[in-house]
Protein backbone atom coordinates (compact mmCIF):
# COMPACT_ATOMS: atom_id res chain seq x y z
CA UNK A 1 0.00 0.00 0.00
CA UNK A 2 1.40 3.36 -0.97
CA UNK A 3 0.57 6.54 0.82
CA UNK A 4 0.30 9.59 -1.36
CA UNK A 5 0.70 13.05 0.05
CA UNK A 6 -2.59 14.92 0.08
CA UNK A 7 -3.03 17.34 -2.78
CA UNK A 8 -2.15 20.94 -2.07
CA UNK A 9 -5.20 23.09 -1.50
CA UNK A 10 -5.58 25.67 -4.26
CA UNK A 11 -6.87 29.21 -3.84
CA UNK A 12 -7.76 31.82 -6.45
CA UNK A 13 -8.01 35.50 -5.50
CA UNK A 14 -10.11 37.59 -7.88
CA UNK A 15 -10.62 41.35 -8.10
CA UNK A 16 -11.43 43.58 -11.04
CA UNK A 17 -7.96 44.79 -12.05
CA UNK A 18 -5.78 42.13 -10.36
CA UNK A 19 -3.49 45.00 -9.45
CA UNK A 20 -3.86 45.47 -5.68
CA UNK A 21 -6.00 43.41 -3.29
CA UNK A 22 -5.80 40.08 -5.09
CA UNK A 23 -2.06 40.49 -5.70
CA UNK A 24 -1.40 41.28 -2.02
CA UNK A 25 -3.55 38.35 -0.89
CA UNK A 26 -1.79 35.94 -3.27
CA UNK A 27 1.63 37.17 -2.15
CA UNK A 28 0.71 36.77 1.52
CA UNK A 29 -0.75 33.30 1.02
CA UNK A 30 2.34 32.13 -0.87
CA UNK A 31 4.65 33.65 1.75
CA UNK A 32 2.76 32.59 4.90
CA UNK A 33 2.06 29.03 3.68
CA UNK A 34 5.66 28.42 2.68
CA UNK A 35 4.41 27.08 -0.64
CA UNK A 36 1.97 24.58 0.93
CA UNK A 37 -0.93 26.15 -1.00
CA UNK A 38 -1.27 26.51 -4.77
CA UNK A 39 -2.01 30.21 -5.23
CA UNK A 40 -3.52 32.03 -8.20
CA UNK A 41 -4.79 35.56 -8.72
CA UNK A 42 -6.69 37.10 -11.60
CA UNK A 43 -8.92 39.97 -12.60
CA UNK A 44 -12.09 40.35 -14.61
CA UNK A 45 -10.57 43.43 -16.32
CA UNK A 46 -6.83 43.28 -15.58
CA UNK A 47 -4.90 46.52 -15.23
CA UNK A 48 -1.69 47.37 -17.06
CA UNK A 49 0.50 46.84 -13.98
CA UNK A 50 0.39 46.06 -10.27
CA UNK A 51 -0.40 49.07 -8.07
CA UNK A 52 2.96 50.64 -7.04
CA UNK A 53 1.58 51.51 -3.58
CA UNK A 54 0.59 47.86 -3.05
CA UNK A 55 4.09 46.78 -4.12
CA UNK A 56 5.65 49.30 -1.70
CA UNK A 57 3.37 48.26 1.18
CA UNK A 58 4.22 44.59 0.68
CA UNK A 59 7.95 45.36 0.47
CA UNK A 60 7.61 46.78 4.00
CA UNK A 61 6.55 43.24 4.99
CA UNK A 62 9.57 41.73 3.22
CA UNK A 63 7.49 40.44 0.29
CA UNK A 64 8.52 41.52 -3.22
CA UNK A 65 5.62 41.66 -5.71
CA UNK A 66 7.45 43.88 -8.21
CA UNK A 67 7.70 41.12 -10.84
CA UNK A 68 3.97 40.29 -10.74
CA UNK A 69 1.65 41.24 -13.59
CA UNK A 70 -2.15 41.39 -13.69
CA UNK A 71 -3.74 38.30 -15.25
CA UNK A 72 -7.14 37.74 -16.88
CA UNK A 73 -9.70 35.63 -15.03
CA UNK A 74 -10.37 32.37 -16.86
CA UNK A 75 -12.93 29.64 -16.29
CA UNK A 76 -10.02 27.17 -16.13
CA UNK A 77 -8.43 29.01 -13.19
CA UNK A 78 -11.73 28.93 -11.32
CA UNK A 79 -12.30 25.23 -12.04
CA UNK A 80 -8.75 24.36 -10.93
CA UNK A 81 -9.22 26.07 -7.53
CA UNK A 82 -10.66 24.63 -4.32
CA UNK A 83 -11.45 28.08 -2.94
CA UNK A 84 -12.24 31.24 -4.95
CA UNK A 85 -12.06 34.49 -3.02
CA UNK A 86 -13.64 37.47 -4.72
CA UNK A 87 -12.80 41.05 -3.82
CA UNK A 88 -15.27 43.29 -5.56
CA UNK A 89 -15.66 41.52 -8.91
CA UNK A 90 -19.30 40.67 -8.21
CA UNK A 91 -21.08 38.57 -10.79
CA UNK A 92 -18.19 38.50 -13.26
CA UNK A 93 -16.71 35.45 -11.53
CA UNK A 94 -17.97 32.19 -13.07
CA UNK A 95 -19.63 29.74 -10.68
CA UNK A 96 -18.84 26.03 -10.58
CA UNK A 97 -20.53 23.54 -8.25
CA UNK A 98 -18.11 22.00 -5.77
CA UNK A 99 -15.94 25.10 -5.57
CA UNK A 100 -16.02 27.08 -2.33
CA UNK A 101 -16.59 30.81 -2.81
CA UNK A 102 -15.84 33.57 -0.31
CA UNK A 103 -16.29 37.31 -0.78
CA UNK A 104 -13.86 39.54 1.09
CA UNK A 105 -15.16 43.09 1.23
CA UNK A 106 -12.03 45.23 1.20
CA UNK A 107 -11.36 48.83 0.28
CA UNK A 108 -9.85 49.21 -3.19
CA UNK A 109 -6.25 50.51 -2.99
CA UNK A 110 -6.41 51.98 -6.52
CA UNK A 111 -5.17 55.56 -6.61
CA UNK A 112 -4.12 55.55 -2.94
CA UNK A 113 -0.70 56.22 -1.48
CA UNK A 114 1.18 53.65 0.57
CA UNK A 115 -0.07 55.19 3.85
CA UNK A 116 -3.66 54.43 2.81
CA UNK A 117 -2.77 50.97 1.48
CA UNK A 118 -1.18 49.77 4.75
CA UNK A 119 -4.49 49.21 6.60
CA UNK A 120 -5.86 47.31 3.57
CA UNK A 121 -2.68 45.22 3.48
CA UNK A 122 -2.96 44.47 7.20
CA UNK A 123 -6.61 43.40 6.85
CA UNK A 124 -5.65 41.09 3.98
CA UNK A 125 -2.88 39.53 6.10
CA UNK A 126 -5.34 38.88 8.95
CA UNK A 127 -7.79 37.24 6.55
CA UNK A 128 -5.09 35.13 4.89
CA UNK A 129 -3.93 33.84 8.30
CA UNK A 130 -7.56 32.92 9.05
CA UNK A 131 -7.85 31.18 5.69
CA UNK A 132 -4.73 29.13 6.39
CA UNK A 133 -6.36 27.98 9.64
CA UNK A 134 -9.52 26.97 7.75
CA UNK A 135 -7.41 25.05 5.22
CA UNK A 136 -5.48 23.31 8.02
CA UNK A 137 -2.19 24.75 6.76
CA UNK A 138 0.23 26.10 9.38
CA UNK A 139 1.57 29.63 9.11
CA UNK A 140 5.27 29.13 8.45
CA UNK A 141 6.39 32.74 8.19
CA UNK A 142 4.99 35.97 9.54
């Protein structure tokens, strides 16, 4: 009898532009899970680049998102995810039975300076830590 390791849980973060909230959430989940979670992020109408204030706020936490780029939301990404967390994309996110959906109501960091993005970043970190607990994945870095 062989024992296979359980599959990694997979999480998709979705917001409209995939330039701020979803990028910060994905970066935190990757960082805090130590790679124990498959992480995706996407947007229903991706922006041209990741919000510089979000990048700066995450750098303060020791997480570099500067190489990230906004990605388009696809049905395949949703289907491949165990949990889909929406952040203001509303009905644009396709629904698939068997997939768990959560909606995190968070202020949009678009057009805000780093001082205004910090509280949004901190709220995302708190929610990601809670999500890790729900997934049964230990926080490996903080």
